[in-house]
Amino acid sequence: MINRIIGVLKLDVNTYEEIEADESATGQAAIVVSVVAIIGGLIGGGITAALGGSFIGSFLSTLLNAYVGWVVWAAVTYFVGTQFFGGQATMGEMLRVLGFAQAPGILRIIPVCGGFIGWIWSIATGFIAVRQGLDVDNTKAIITIVVGWVAVFIVSLIIGALLGALGLAGSISMDAIQGLGQ
């Protein structure tokens, strides 16, 4: 698994092809997504807590967005790439290559610039993952990625709204409970 992560970070096309073909690598891809999500959640939660917000809420939101975003991006990419651009892939292949493509997100552990560098690097790894996973040309890969990102963005907004509503409901309940005691 480590060699695959290194290959993805090196933007090695053969590594993406290997991951795509290995049906047993879906669990490894999920581990990559999990590690990146946990790191992001810890850092984001810490920043949120330092600013007076909820560490747990931020952490859980990051985890939820990571997993749901991964699946949504893979599903939309699979659908758009195969139905509109003649790409050849399965949902499992897209989950695998896009899961591993998130590996640069681990750079968030580097203060100040790590998150930005990881984000830029993730754009490159995501591009190669989509292109190789679907076996399409660069233009079709870019269009597919943009459509997938829009879908993930919309889903993230929905998740944020739902979690915000749950947080607001929790505050109202606590205020009501505290009011009863007075």
N, C-alpha and C. Protein backbone atom coordinates (compact mmCIF):
# COMPACT_ATOMS: atom_id res chain seq x y z
N MET A 1 0.82 -1.19 0.00
CA MET A 1 0.00 0.00 0.00
C MET A 1 0.86 1.26 0.00
N ILE A 2 1.93 1.26 0.79
CA ILE A 2 2.82 2.42 0.85
C ILE A 2 3.44 2.69 -0.53
N ASN A 3 3.85 1.63 -1.21
CA ASN A 3 4.42 1.80 -2.56
C ASN A 3 3.40 2.40 -3.52
N ARG A 4 2.14 2.04 -3.36
CA ARG A 4 1.09 2.61 -4.20
C ARG A 4 0.90 4.09 -3.89
N ILE A 5 0.92 4.44 -2.63
CA ILE A 5 0.78 5.85 -2.26
C ILE A 5 1.94 6.65 -2.84
N ILE A 6 3.14 6.11 -2.72
CA ILE A 6 4.32 6.79 -3.28
C ILE A 6 4.18 6.93 -4.79
N GLY A 7 3.71 5.87 -5.46
CA GLY A 7 3.50 5.93 -6.91
C GLY A 7 2.48 6.99 -7.30
N VAL A 8 1.41 7.08 -6.52
CA VAL A 8 0.39 8.10 -6.78
C VAL A 8 0.99 9.49 -6.57
N LEU A 9 1.73 9.67 -5.50
CA LEU A 9 2.35 10.96 -5.24
C LEU A 9 3.36 11.35 -6.31
N LYS A 10 3.99 10.35 -6.92
CA LYS A 10 4.92 10.60 -8.03
C LYS A 10 4.19 10.80 -9.36
N LEU A 11 2.86 10.67 -9.34
CA LEU A 11 2.03 10.78 -10.53
C LEU A 11 2.38 9.72 -11.57
N ASP A 12 2.74 8.54 -11.08
CA ASP A 12 3.12 7.41 -11.93
C ASP A 12 1.87 6.73 -12.51
N VAL A 13 1.70 6.86 -13.80
CA VAL A 13 0.52 6.33 -14.49
C VAL A 13 0.37 4.83 -14.25
N ASN A 14 1.48 4.10 -14.23
CA ASN A 14 1.42 2.65 -14.04
C ASN A 14 0.84 2.29 -12.66
N THR A 15 1.11 3.11 -11.65
CA THR A 15 0.56 2.86 -10.32
C THR A 15 -0.96 3.00 -10.35
N TYR A 16 -1.45 4.02 -11.03
CA TYR A 16 -2.90 4.20 -11.14
C TYR A 16 -3.54 3.01 -11.86
N GLU A 17 -2.89 2.54 -12.90
CA GLU A 17 -3.41 1.38 -13.64
C GLU A 17 -3.43 0.14 -12.75
N GLU A 18 -2.40 -0.02 -11.94
CA GLU A 18 -2.34 -1.16 -11.01
C GLU A 18 -3.47 -1.09 -9.98
N ILE A 19 -3.67 0.10 -9.42
CA ILE A 19 -4.74 0.29 -8.43
C ILE A 19 -6.10 0.04 -9.08
N GLU A 20 -6.28 0.57 -10.27
CA GLU A 20 -7.55 0.39 -10.99
C GLU A 20 -7.86 -1.10 -11.19
N ALA A 21 -6.87 -1.87 -11.53
CA ALA A 21 -7.08 -3.28 -11.86
C ALA A 21 -7.22 -4.19 -10.63
N ASP A 22 -6.72 -3.76 -9.48
CA ASP A 22 -6.70 -4.60 -8.29
C ASP A 22 -7.98 -4.42 -7.47
N GLU A 23 -8.91 -5.34 -7.62
CA GLU A 23 -10.19 -5.24 -6.91
C GLU A 23 -10.03 -5.28 -5.40
N SER A 24 -8.94 -5.83 -4.91
CA SER A 24 -8.72 -5.89 -3.46
C SER A 24 -8.21 -4.56 -2.91
N ALA A 25 -7.92 -3.58 -3.76
CA ALA A 25 -7.36 -2.30 -3.32
C ALA A 25 -8.41 -1.30 -2.87
N THR A 26 -9.69 -1.65 -2.95
CA THR A 26 -10.73 -0.71 -2.52
C THR A 26 -10.60 -0.42 -1.02
N GLY A 27 -10.32 -1.43 -0.25
CA GLY A 27 -10.11 -1.24 1.19
C GLY A 27 -8.91 -0.34 1.47
N GLN A 28 -7.85 -0.51 0.69
CA GLN A 28 -6.68 0.34 0.84
C GLN A 28 -7.03 1.79 0.51
N ALA A 29 -7.83 1.97 -0.54
CA ALA A 29 -8.26 3.33 -0.90
C ALA A 29 -9.07 3.95 0.24
N ALA A 30 -9.91 3.15 0.87
CA ALA A 30 -10.71 3.64 2.00
C ALA A 30 -9.80 4.03 3.17
N ILE A 31 -8.71 3.31 3.37
CA ILE A 31 -7.76 3.65 4.42
C ILE A 31 -7.10 4.99 4.12
N VAL A 32 -6.72 5.20 2.86
CA VAL A 32 -6.12 6.48 2.47
C VAL A 32 -7.11 7.62 2.76
N VAL A 33 -8.35 7.45 2.33
CA VAL A 33 -9.37 8.47 2.59
C VAL A 33 -9.53 8.69 4.09
N SER A 34 -9.53 7.63 4.87
CA SER A 34 -9.69 7.73 6.32
C SER A 34 -8.55 8.48 6.98
N VAL A 35 -7.33 8.15 6.62
CA VAL A 35 -6.16 8.81 7.22
C VAL A 35 -6.17 10.30 6.90
N VAL A 36 -6.43 10.63 5.64
CA VAL A 36 -6.47 12.04 5.24
C VAL A 36 -7.62 12.76 5.95
N ALA A 37 -8.77 12.10 6.08
CA ALA A 37 -9.92 12.71 6.75
C ALA A 37 -9.64 12.91 8.24
N ILE A 38 -9.03 11.96 8.87
CA ILE A 38 -8.73 12.08 10.31
C ILE A 38 -7.74 13.22 10.55
N ILE A 39 -6.71 13.29 9.73
CA ILE A 39 -5.74 14.39 9.87
C ILE A 39 -6.44 15.73 9.66
N GLY A 40 -7.22 15.82 8.60
CA GLY A 40 -7.96 17.06 8.33
C GLY A 40 -8.93 17.40 9.45
N GLY A 41 -9.60 16.37 9.97
CA GLY A 41 -10.55 16.58 11.06
C GLY A 41 -9.88 17.06 12.33
N LEU A 42 -8.74 16.47 12.65
CA LEU A 42 -8.01 16.89 13.85
C LEU A 42 -7.53 18.33 13.73
N ILE A 43 -6.97 18.66 12.58
CA ILE A 43 -6.46 20.02 12.38
C ILE A 43 -7.61 21.02 12.32
N GLY A 44 -8.62 20.70 11.50
CA GLY A 44 -9.77 21.60 11.40
C GLY A 44 -10.51 21.74 12.72
N GLY A 45 -10.67 20.63 13.42
CA GLY A 45 -11.33 20.67 14.72
C GLY A 45 -10.55 21.50 15.72
N GLY A 46 -9.23 21.36 15.69
CA GLY A 46 -8.38 22.15 16.59
C GLY A 46 -8.49 23.63 16.31
N ILE A 47 -8.49 23.99 15.04
CA ILE A 47 -8.62 25.40 14.67
C ILE A 47 -10.00 25.92 15.08
N THR A 48 -11.02 25.12 14.81
CA THR A 48 -12.38 25.52 15.18
C THR A 48 -12.50 25.71 16.69
N ALA A 49 -11.93 24.78 17.45
CA ALA A 49 -11.99 24.87 18.91
C ALA A 49 -11.23 26.11 19.40
N ALA A 50 -10.09 26.40 18.79
CA ALA A 50 -9.30 27.57 19.18
C ALA A 50 -10.07 28.86 18.92
N LEU A 51 -10.97 28.82 17.94
CA LEU A 51 -11.79 30.01 17.63
C LEU A 51 -13.11 30.02 18.38
N GLY A 52 -13.27 29.07 19.31
CA GLY A 52 -14.45 29.03 20.14
C GLY A 52 -15.57 28.14 19.63
N GLY A 53 -15.30 27.38 18.59
CA GLY A 53 -16.32 26.48 18.05
C GLY A 53 -16.20 25.08 18.61
N SER A 54 -16.94 24.18 18.01
CA SER A 54 -16.99 22.80 18.47
C SER A 54 -15.96 21.92 17.76
N PHE A 55 -15.01 21.39 18.53
CA PHE A 55 -14.03 20.47 17.96
C PHE A 55 -14.73 19.25 17.38
N ILE A 56 -15.63 18.65 18.16
CA ILE A 56 -16.31 17.43 17.75
C ILE A 56 -17.14 17.67 16.49
N GLY A 57 -17.88 18.77 16.47
CA GLY A 57 -18.70 19.08 15.30
C GLY A 57 -17.86 19.24 14.05
N SER A 58 -16.76 19.96 14.15
CA SER A 58 -15.87 20.17 13.01
C SER A 58 -15.23 18.86 12.58
N PHE A 59 -14.77 18.08 13.55
CA PHE A 59 -14.13 16.79 13.26
C PHE A 59 -15.10 15.86 12.54
N LEU A 60 -16.30 15.72 13.08
CA LEU A 60 -17.30 14.83 12.48
C LEU A 60 -17.73 15.32 11.10
N SER A 61 -17.85 16.61 10.94
CA SER A 61 -18.21 17.18 9.65
C SER A 61 -17.14 16.87 8.60
N THR A 62 -15.89 16.98 8.99
CA THR A 62 -14.79 16.68 8.08
C THR A 62 -14.81 15.21 7.67
N LEU A 63 -15.01 14.32 8.64
CA LEU A 63 -15.07 12.89 8.33
C LEU A 63 -16.23 12.56 7.41
N LEU A 64 -17.39 13.08 7.74
CA LEU A 64 -18.58 12.81 6.93
C LEU A 64 -18.40 13.33 5.50
N ASN A 65 -17.91 14.55 5.39
CA ASN A 65 -17.68 15.12 4.06
C ASN A 65 -16.65 14.32 3.26
N ALA A 66 -15.64 13.82 3.94
CA ALA A 66 -14.60 13.05 3.25
C ALA A 66 -15.17 11.76 2.65
N TYR A 67 -15.89 11.02 3.45
CA TYR A 67 -16.42 9.74 2.97
C TYR A 67 -17.54 9.93 1.95
N VAL A 68 -18.46 10.80 2.25
CA VAL A 68 -19.57 11.04 1.31
C VAL A 68 -19.02 11.67 0.03
N GLY A 69 -18.10 12.62 0.18
CA GLY A 69 -17.50 13.26 -0.99
C GLY A 69 -16.78 12.27 -1.88
N TRP A 70 -16.06 11.34 -1.27
CA TRP A 70 -15.34 10.31 -2.03
C TRP A 70 -16.31 9.48 -2.86
N VAL A 71 -17.36 9.02 -2.23
CA VAL A 71 -18.34 8.17 -2.93
C VAL A 71 -19.09 8.97 -3.99
N VAL A 72 -19.49 10.19 -3.66
CA VAL A 72 -20.22 11.01 -4.64
C VAL A 72 -19.33 11.33 -5.83
N TRP A 73 -18.09 11.73 -5.55
CA TRP A 73 -17.18 12.06 -6.65
C TRP A 73 -16.94 10.84 -7.54
N ALA A 74 -16.74 9.69 -6.93
CA ALA A 74 -16.54 8.47 -7.72
C ALA A 74 -17.78 8.14 -8.54
N ALA A 75 -18.96 8.26 -7.93
CA ALA A 75 -20.20 7.92 -8.64
C ALA A 75 -20.47 8.87 -9.80
N VAL A 76 -20.33 10.17 -9.54
CA VAL A 76 -20.58 11.15 -10.60
C VAL A 76 -19.54 11.01 -11.71
N THR A 77 -18.29 10.84 -11.31
CA THR A 77 -17.22 10.66 -12.29
C THR A 77 -17.46 9.42 -13.14
N TYR A 78 -17.83 8.34 -12.48
CA TYR A 78 -18.14 7.10 -13.19
C TYR A 78 -19.28 7.33 -14.17
N PHE A 79 -20.38 7.93 -13.70
CA PHE A 79 -21.56 8.14 -14.54
C PHE A 79 -21.24 9.06 -15.72
N VAL A 80 -20.68 10.22 -15.45
CA VAL A 80 -20.39 11.18 -16.52
C VAL A 80 -19.37 10.61 -17.49
N GLY A 81 -18.31 10.04 -16.96
CA GLY A 81 -17.25 9.51 -17.81
C GLY A 81 -17.69 8.37 -18.71
N THR A 82 -18.52 7.48 -18.17
CA THR A 82 -18.94 6.32 -18.98
C THR A 82 -20.13 6.65 -19.88
N GLN A 83 -21.07 7.44 -19.38
CA GLN A 83 -22.29 7.70 -20.15
C GLN A 83 -22.13 8.79 -21.21
N PHE A 84 -21.31 9.79 -20.94
CA PHE A 84 -21.19 10.91 -21.86
C PHE A 84 -19.89 10.90 -22.67
N PHE A 85 -18.85 10.28 -22.15
CA PHE A 85 -17.56 10.34 -22.82
C PHE A 85 -17.00 8.98 -23.23
N GLY A 86 -17.79 7.94 -23.10
CA GLY A 86 -17.35 6.62 -23.54
C GLY A 86 -16.24 6.01 -22.71
N GLY A 87 -16.07 6.48 -21.48
CA GLY A 87 -15.03 5.93 -20.62
C GLY A 87 -15.33 4.48 -20.26
N GLN A 88 -14.29 3.76 -19.96
CA GLN A 88 -14.41 2.35 -19.60
C GLN A 88 -13.95 2.18 -18.16
N ALA A 89 -14.92 1.97 -17.26
CA ALA A 89 -14.58 1.81 -15.85
C ALA A 89 -15.75 1.18 -15.13
N THR A 90 -15.47 0.74 -13.91
CA THR A 90 -16.53 0.30 -13.00
C THR A 90 -16.53 1.28 -11.83
N MET A 91 -17.58 1.23 -11.06
CA MET A 91 -17.64 2.09 -9.87
C MET A 91 -16.49 1.75 -8.92
N GLY A 92 -16.18 0.49 -8.77
CA GLY A 92 -15.07 0.07 -7.90
C GLY A 92 -13.74 0.66 -8.36
N GLU A 93 -13.51 0.66 -9.66
CA GLU A 93 -12.26 1.23 -10.19
C GLU A 93 -12.17 2.71 -9.85
N MET A 94 -13.28 3.42 -10.00
CA MET A 94 -13.26 4.85 -9.70
C MET A 94 -13.06 5.10 -8.20
N LEU A 95 -13.70 4.29 -7.37
CA LEU A 95 -13.48 4.44 -5.92
C LEU A 95 -12.00 4.24 -5.58
N ARG A 96 -11.39 3.23 -6.19
CA ARG A 96 -9.99 2.94 -5.87
C ARG A 96 -9.06 4.07 -6.30
N VAL A 97 -9.13 4.47 -7.56
CA VAL A 97 -8.17 5.48 -8.03
C VAL A 97 -8.41 6.84 -7.37
N LEU A 98 -9.68 7.19 -7.15
CA LEU A 98 -9.96 8.48 -6.51
C LEU A 98 -9.66 8.46 -5.02
N GLY A 99 -9.78 7.30 -4.39
CA GLY A 99 -9.39 7.19 -2.98
C GLY A 99 -7.90 7.41 -2.81
N PHE A 100 -7.11 6.73 -3.60
CA PHE A 100 -5.66 6.90 -3.53
C PHE A 100 -5.24 8.31 -3.95
N ALA A 101 -5.99 8.92 -4.86
CA ALA A 101 -5.65 10.27 -5.33
C ALA A 101 -5.75 11.31 -4.22
N GLN A 102 -6.38 10.96 -3.11
CA GLN A 102 -6.49 11.89 -1.99
C GLN A 102 -5.25 11.91 -1.10
N ALA A 103 -4.29 11.06 -1.40
CA ALA A 103 -3.08 10.93 -0.57
C ALA A 103 -2.36 12.25 -0.29
N PRO A 104 -2.26 13.18 -1.23
CA PRO A 104 -1.56 14.43 -0.90
C PRO A 104 -2.21 15.23 0.23
N GLY A 105 -3.44 14.93 0.56
CA GLY A 105 -4.11 15.61 1.66
C GLY A 105 -3.42 15.42 3.00
N ILE A 106 -2.57 14.42 3.09
CA ILE A 106 -1.83 14.18 4.33
C ILE A 106 -0.86 15.33 4.63
N LEU A 107 -0.56 16.12 3.61
CA LEU A 107 0.35 17.25 3.80
C LEU A 107 -0.25 18.34 4.69
N ARG A 108 -1.52 18.20 5.04
CA ARG A 108 -2.14 19.16 5.95
C ARG A 108 -1.41 19.23 7.29
N ILE A 109 -0.66 18.19 7.60
CA ILE A 109 0.07 18.19 8.88
C ILE A 109 1.19 19.22 8.90
N ILE A 110 1.57 19.73 7.72
CA ILE A 110 2.61 20.75 7.65
C ILE A 110 1.96 22.11 7.89
N PRO A 111 2.37 22.81 8.93
CA PRO A 111 1.74 24.11 9.24
C PRO A 111 1.88 25.12 8.09
N VAL A 112 0.97 26.00 8.00
CA VAL A 112 0.89 27.14 7.10
C VAL A 112 0.62 26.75 5.65
N CYS A 113 1.55 26.07 4.99
CA CYS A 113 1.41 25.85 3.55
C CYS A 113 1.08 24.40 3.16
N GLY A 114 1.10 23.48 4.09
CA GLY A 114 0.89 22.07 3.77
C GLY A 114 -0.46 21.79 3.14
N GLY A 115 -1.50 22.40 3.68
CA GLY A 115 -2.83 22.19 3.13
C GLY A 115 -2.95 22.68 1.70
N PHE A 116 -2.35 23.84 1.42
CA PHE A 116 -2.40 24.39 0.07
C PHE A 116 -1.62 23.52 -0.91
N ILE A 117 -0.43 23.12 -0.52
CA ILE A 117 0.40 22.26 -1.38
C ILE A 117 -0.32 20.93 -1.63
N GLY A 118 -0.89 20.36 -0.57
CA GLY A 118 -1.64 19.12 -0.72
C GLY A 118 -2.83 19.27 -1.64
N TRP A 119 -3.51 20.41 -1.57
CA TRP A 119 -4.67 20.67 -2.42
C TRP A 119 -4.25 20.74 -3.89
N ILE A 120 -3.19 21.47 -4.18
CA ILE A 120 -2.69 21.58 -5.56
C ILE A 120 -2.27 20.20 -6.06
N TRP A 121 -1.54 19.46 -5.23
CA TRP A 121 -1.07 18.13 -5.61
C TRP A 121 -2.25 17.19 -5.83
N SER A 122 -3.29 17.34 -5.01
CA SER A 122 -4.49 16.51 -5.16
C SER A 122 -5.21 16.78 -6.48
N ILE A 123 -5.13 17.99 -6.96
CA ILE A 123 -5.72 18.29 -8.28
C ILE A 123 -5.01 17.45 -9.34
N ALA A 124 -3.69 17.40 -9.26
CA ALA A 124 -2.92 16.61 -10.24
C ALA A 124 -3.20 15.12 -10.09
N THR A 125 -3.21 14.62 -8.85
CA THR A 125 -3.45 13.18 -8.66
C THR A 125 -4.88 12.81 -9.06
N GLY A 126 -5.83 13.70 -8.79
CA GLY A 126 -7.22 13.46 -9.18
C GLY A 126 -7.39 13.43 -10.68
N PHE A 127 -6.69 14.33 -11.36
CA PHE A 127 -6.75 14.37 -12.82
C PHE A 127 -6.25 13.05 -13.42
N ILE A 128 -5.10 12.61 -12.96
CA ILE A 128 -4.55 11.37 -13.49
C ILE A 128 -5.44 10.19 -13.12
N ALA A 129 -5.99 10.20 -11.91
CA ALA A 129 -6.89 9.12 -11.49
C ALA A 129 -8.10 9.03 -12.41
N VAL A 130 -8.71 10.15 -12.72
CA VAL A 130 -9.89 10.15 -13.59
C VAL A 130 -9.50 9.74 -15.01
N ARG A 131 -8.44 10.31 -15.52
CA ARG A 131 -8.01 9.99 -16.89
C ARG A 131 -7.68 8.52 -17.03
N GLN A 132 -6.91 7.99 -16.11
CA GLN A 132 -6.51 6.58 -16.19
C GLN A 132 -7.65 5.65 -15.82
N GLY A 133 -8.43 6.05 -14.82
CA GLY A 133 -9.53 5.20 -14.38
C GLY A 133 -10.60 5.02 -15.44
N LEU A 134 -10.86 6.08 -16.20
CA LEU A 134 -11.88 6.02 -17.25
C LEU A 134 -11.32 5.70 -18.63
N ASP A 135 -10.01 5.81 -18.76
CA ASP A 135 -9.36 5.62 -20.07
C ASP A 135 -9.91 6.61 -21.09
N VAL A 136 -9.88 7.91 -20.70
CA VAL A 136 -10.33 8.98 -21.58
C VAL A 136 -9.19 9.96 -21.81
N ASP A 137 -9.38 10.87 -22.78
CA ASP A 137 -8.35 11.86 -23.05
C ASP A 137 -8.40 12.99 -22.01
N ASN A 138 -7.43 13.89 -22.09
CA ASN A 138 -7.31 14.96 -21.10
C ASN A 138 -8.55 15.86 -21.03
N THR A 139 -9.08 16.25 -22.18
CA THR A 139 -10.24 17.14 -22.20
C THR A 139 -11.44 16.48 -21.54
N LYS A 140 -11.71 15.24 -21.88
CA LYS A 140 -12.85 14.53 -21.27
C LYS A 140 -12.63 14.34 -19.78
N ALA A 141 -11.39 14.12 -19.38
CA ALA A 141 -11.09 13.97 -17.95
C ALA A 141 -11.36 15.27 -17.21
N ILE A 142 -10.95 16.40 -17.78
CA ILE A 142 -11.15 17.70 -17.13
C ILE A 142 -12.64 18.01 -16.98
N ILE A 143 -13.40 17.81 -18.04
CA ILE A 143 -14.84 18.08 -17.97
C ILE A 143 -15.50 17.18 -16.93
N THR A 144 -15.12 15.92 -16.91
CA THR A 144 -15.68 14.97 -15.94
C THR A 144 -15.34 15.40 -14.52
N ILE A 145 -14.12 15.84 -14.30
CA ILE A 145 -13.70 16.30 -12.98
C ILE A 145 -14.51 17.50 -12.53
N VAL A 146 -14.68 18.46 -13.41
CA VAL A 146 -15.42 19.67 -13.04
C VAL A 146 -16.86 19.32 -12.64
N VAL A 147 -17.51 18.48 -13.42
CA VAL A 147 -18.88 18.06 -13.09
C VAL A 147 -18.88 17.34 -11.74
N GLY A 148 -17.91 16.48 -11.51
CA GLY A 148 -17.82 15.77 -10.23
C GLY A 148 -17.61 16.71 -9.06
N TRP A 149 -16.73 17.71 -9.23
CA TRP A 149 -16.48 18.67 -8.16
C TRP A 149 -17.72 19.49 -7.83
N VAL A 150 -18.46 19.87 -8.85
CA VAL A 150 -19.70 20.61 -8.60
C VAL A 150 -20.65 19.76 -7.77
N ALA A 151 -20.78 18.50 -8.12
CA ALA A 151 -21.66 17.59 -7.37
C ALA A 151 -21.20 17.45 -5.92
N VAL A 152 -19.91 17.29 -5.72
CA VAL A 152 -19.37 17.15 -4.36
C VAL A 152 -19.59 18.44 -3.57
N PHE A 153 -19.40 19.58 -4.22
CA PHE A 153 -19.60 20.86 -3.56
C PHE A 153 -21.05 21.00 -3.09
N ILE A 154 -21.98 20.66 -3.96
CA ILE A 154 -23.41 20.74 -3.60
C ILE A 154 -23.72 19.81 -2.44
N VAL A 155 -23.21 18.59 -2.50
CA VAL A 155 -23.45 17.63 -1.40
C VAL A 155 -22.82 18.15 -0.10
N SER A 156 -21.64 18.74 -0.18
CA SER A 156 -21.00 19.30 1.01
C SER A 156 -21.83 20.42 1.62
N LEU A 157 -22.42 21.26 0.77
CA LEU A 157 -23.29 22.32 1.27
C LEU A 157 -24.50 21.73 1.99
N ILE A 158 -25.07 20.68 1.41
CA ILE A 158 -26.22 20.02 2.03
C ILE A 158 -25.84 19.42 3.38
N ILE A 159 -24.70 18.75 3.42
CA ILE A 159 -24.23 18.17 4.69
C ILE A 159 -24.01 19.27 5.72
N GLY A 160 -23.37 20.36 5.30
CA GLY A 160 -23.14 21.48 6.21
C GLY A 160 -24.44 22.06 6.74
N ALA A 161 -25.41 22.19 5.86
CA ALA A 161 -26.71 22.73 6.28
C ALA A 161 -27.39 21.79 7.27
N LEU A 162 -27.33 20.49 6.98
CA LEU A 162 -27.94 19.51 7.88
C LEU A 162 -27.26 19.50 9.24
N LEU A 163 -25.93 19.51 9.24
CA LEU A 163 -25.21 19.52 10.52
C LEU A 163 -25.44 20.82 11.27
N GLY A 164 -25.50 21.92 10.52
CA GLY A 164 -25.79 23.20 11.15
C GLY A 164 -27.17 23.20 11.79
N ALA A 165 -28.13 22.64 11.08
CA ALA A 165 -29.49 22.56 11.63
C ALA A 165 -29.51 21.69 12.88
N LEU A 166 -28.78 20.60 12.85
CA LEU A 166 -28.72 19.73 14.03
C LEU A 166 -28.04 20.45 15.20
N GLY A 167 -27.01 21.21 14.91
CA GLY A 167 -26.32 21.97 15.95
C GLY A 167 -27.21 23.04 16.54
N LEU A 168 -27.96 23.71 15.68
CA LEU A 168 -28.88 24.75 16.14
C LEU A 168 -29.98 24.12 16.99
N ALA A 169 -30.48 22.97 16.54
CA ALA A 169 -31.53 22.29 17.31
C ALA A 169 -31.01 21.90 18.68
N GLY A 170 -29.73 21.45 18.73
CA GLY A 170 -29.14 21.08 20.01
C GLY A 170 -29.02 22.27 20.94
N SER A 171 -28.68 23.46 20.40
CA SER A 171 -28.57 24.67 21.22
C SER A 171 -29.92 25.07 21.78
N ILE A 172 -30.93 24.99 20.94
CA ILE A 172 -32.28 25.34 21.40
C ILE A 172 -32.70 24.40 22.52
N SER A 173 -32.43 23.13 22.36
CA SER A 173 -32.81 22.16 23.39
C SER A 173 -32.08 22.43 24.69
N MET A 174 -30.79 22.74 24.62
CA MET A 174 -30.02 23.01 25.84
C MET A 174 -30.52 24.28 26.50
N ASP A 175 -30.83 25.31 25.71
CA ASP A 175 -31.36 26.55 26.26
C ASP A 175 -32.69 26.29 26.96
N ALA A 176 -33.52 25.50 26.33
CA ALA A 176 -34.82 25.18 26.93
C ALA A 176 -34.64 24.42 28.23
N ILE A 177 -33.73 23.47 28.23
CA ILE A 177 -33.47 22.68 29.44
C ILE A 177 -32.93 23.57 30.56
N GLN A 178 -31.97 24.45 30.22
CA GLN A 178 -31.41 25.35 31.23
C GLN A 178 -32.48 26.32 31.75
N GLY A 179 -33.38 26.74 30.87
CA GLY A 179 -34.45 27.65 31.26
C GLY A 179 -35.41 27.01 32.24
N LEU A 180 -35.61 25.69 32.12
CA LEU A 180 -36.51 24.98 33.02
C LEU A 180 -35.97 24.94 34.44
N GLY A 181 -34.66 24.96 34.57
CA GLY A 181 -34.05 24.87 35.89
C GLY A 181 -34.09 26.18 36.65
N GLN A 182 -34.41 27.27 35.98
CA GLN A 182 -34.37 28.58 36.65
C GLN A 182 -35.67 28.95 37.25
